[in-house]
C-alpha atoms as a PDB file:
ATOM      1  CA  ARG A   1      39.317 157.091  27.581  1.00  0.00           C
ATOM      2  CA  LEU A   2      39.847 158.150  31.180  1.00  0.00           C
ATOM      3  CA  GLY A   3      37.692 161.201  30.574  1.00  0.00           C
ATOM      4  CA  ALA A   4      34.783 159.057  29.394  1.00  0.00           C
ATOM      5  CA  ASP A   5      35.125 156.769  32.399  1.00  0.00           C
ATOM      6  CA  LEU A   6      35.163 159.720  34.785  1.00  0.00           C
ATOM      7  CA  ALA A   7      32.174 161.326  33.091  1.00  0.00           C
ATOM      8  CA  GLY A   8      30.239 158.072  33.442  1.00  0.00           C
ATOM      9  CA  GLN A   9      31.012 157.939  37.146  1.00  0.00           C
ATOM     10  CA  ALA A  10      30.107 161.588  37.645  1.00  0.00           C
ATOM     11  CA  ALA A  11      26.527 160.967  36.550  1.00  0.00           C
ATOM     12  CA  ARG A  12      26.178 158.425  39.355  1.00  0.00           C
ATOM     13  CA  ALA A  13      28.096 160.427  41.949  1.00  0.00           C
ATOM     14  CA  LEU A  14      26.377 163.796  41.492  1.00  0.00           C
ATOM     15  CA  PRO A  15      23.164 162.911  43.362  1.00  0.00           C
ATOM     16  CA  ALA A  16      25.223 161.788  46.363  1.00  0.00           C
ATOM     17  CA  ALA A  17      27.398 164.908  46.151  1.00  0.00           C
ATOM     18  CA  ARG A  18      24.311 167.111  46.107  1.00  0.00           C
ATOM     19  CA  ASP A  19      23.093 165.369  49.257  1.00  0.00           C
ATOM     20  CA  SER A  20      26.275 165.725  51.339  1.00  0.00           C
ATOM     21  CA  ALA A  21      30.009 165.116  51.398  1.00  0.00           C
ATOM     22  CA  GLU A  22      29.402 162.060  53.564  1.00  0.00           C
ATOM     23  CA  ALA A  23      26.969 160.623  51.004  1.00  0.00           C
ATOM     24  CA  LEU A  24      29.558 161.117  48.266  1.00  0.00           C
ATOM     25  CA  VAL A  25      32.219 159.365  50.346  1.00  0.00           C
ATOM     26  CA  ARG A  26      29.797 156.457  50.953  1.00  0.00           C
ATOM     27  CA  HIS A  27      29.019 156.259  47.224  1.00  0.00           C
ATOM     28  CA  LEU A  28      32.695 156.230  46.228  1.00  0.00           C
ATOM     29  CA  SER A  29      33.455 153.675  48.936  1.00  0.00           C
ATOM     30  CA  ASP A  30      30.704 151.453  47.506  1.00  0.00           C
ATOM     31  CA  VAL A  31      32.196 151.810  44.009  1.00  0.00           C
ATOM     32  CA  VAL A  32      35.637 150.794  45.301  1.00  0.00           C
ATOM     33  CA  THR A  33      34.125 147.795  47.121  1.00  0.00           C
ATOM     34  CA  GLN A  34      32.264 146.685  43.985  1.00  0.00           C
ATOM     35  CA  LEU A  35      35.424 146.985  41.895  1.00  0.00           C
ATOM     36  CA  ARG A  36      37.402 144.959  44.449  1.00  0.00           C
ATOM     37  CA  ILE A  37      34.755 142.223  44.410  1.00  0.00           C
ATOM     38  CA  ALA A  38      34.730 142.155  40.598  1.00  0.00           C
ATOM     39  CA  MET A  39      38.541 142.024  40.537  1.00  0.00           C
ATOM     40  CA  PHE A  40      38.583 139.160  43.034  1.00  0.00           C
ATOM     41  CA  CYS A  41      35.924 137.193  41.143  1.00  0.00           C
ATOM     42  CA  THR A  42      37.757 137.564  37.827  1.00  0.00           C
ATOM     43  CA  GLY A  43      41.279 137.127  39.192  1.00  0.00           C
ATOM     44  CA  SER A  44      42.223 140.616  38.002  1.00  0.00           C
ATOM     45  CA  ALA A  45      45.293 142.162  39.624  1.00  0.00           C
ATOM     46  CA  ASP A  46      44.420 145.702  38.561  1.00  0.00           C
ATOM     47  CA  LEU A  47      41.805 147.750  36.709  1.00  0.00           C
ATOM     48  CA  ALA A  48      43.514 147.167  33.353  1.00  0.00           C
ATOM     49  CA  ALA A  49      43.214 143.404  33.866  1.00  0.00           C
ATOM     50  CA  LEU A  50      39.588 143.795  34.962  1.00  0.00           C
ATOM     51  CA  ARG A  51      38.875 145.641  31.715  1.00  0.00           C
ATOM     52  CA  ARG A  52      40.210 142.646  29.760  1.00  0.00           C
ATOM     53  CA  ALA A  53      38.391 140.032  31.871  1.00  0.00           C
ATOM     54  CA  PRO A  54      35.692 138.064  30.037  1.00  0.00           C
ATOM     55  CA  LEU A  55      32.076 138.677  30.954  1.00  0.00           C
ATOM     56  CA  LEU A  56      30.603 135.930  33.096  1.00  0.00           C
ATOM     57  CA  SER A  57      26.996 136.219  31.955  1.00  0.00           C
ATOM     58  CA  PRO A  58      25.284 133.881  29.491  1.00  0.00           C
ATOM     59  CA  PRO A  59      24.311 135.059  25.994  1.00  0.00           C
ATOM     60  CA  GLY A  60      21.280 137.299  26.331  1.00  0.00           C
ATOM     61  CA  GLY A  61      22.026 138.042  29.977  1.00  0.00           C
ATOM     62  CA  PHE A  62      20.270 136.962  33.141  1.00  0.00           C
ATOM     63  CA  TRP A  63      17.618 139.679  32.925  1.00  0.00           C
ATOM     64  CA  SER A  64      15.957 138.081  29.899  1.00  0.00           C
ATOM     65  CA  GLN A  65      15.624 134.726  31.649  1.00  0.00           C
ATOM     66  CA  SER A  66      14.249 136.299  34.820  1.00  0.00           C
ATOM     67  CA  ALA A  67      11.728 138.199  32.682  1.00  0.00           C
ATOM     68  CA  GLY A  68      10.381 134.881  31.383  1.00  0.00           C
ATOM     69  CA  MET A  69      12.018 135.145  27.985  1.00  0.00           C
ATOM     70  CA  GLU A  70      13.476 132.098  26.284  1.00  0.00           C
ATOM     71  CA  LYS A  71      17.234 131.681  26.256  1.00  0.00           C
ATOM     72  CA  PRO A  72      18.611 132.457  22.779  1.00  0.00           C
ATOM     73  CA  ASP A  73      19.830 129.532  20.682  1.00  0.00           C
ATOM     74  CA  PRO A  74      23.531 130.221  19.946  1.00  0.00           C
ATOM     75  CA  SER A  75      23.466 127.884  16.925  1.00  0.00           C
ATOM     76  CA  ALA A  76      20.676 129.843  15.210  1.00  0.00           C
END
C-alpha cells in the first residue's frame, strides 16, 4: 500500500522536481501543510487515523452542486 501512495505522490511531485530542487521542497512542504490541516480538521492524531476519518462532503460532492446539478435524493 505504501508503494501505491508514493507512486501517487510522485506524479504530482515530478513537475516540481523537474523545475528545481527548491520547487520540489515547496511542493512537499505544501503537501505536509495540507495533511496537517486535514488531520486537525478531522481530529486525527496520525496518518493512520486520518485514513480512517469519515469524509466530510455531502453525497454527490460539492462539485455537483456548484455545477448547478440537483442534490441526489438519498432515499431514492
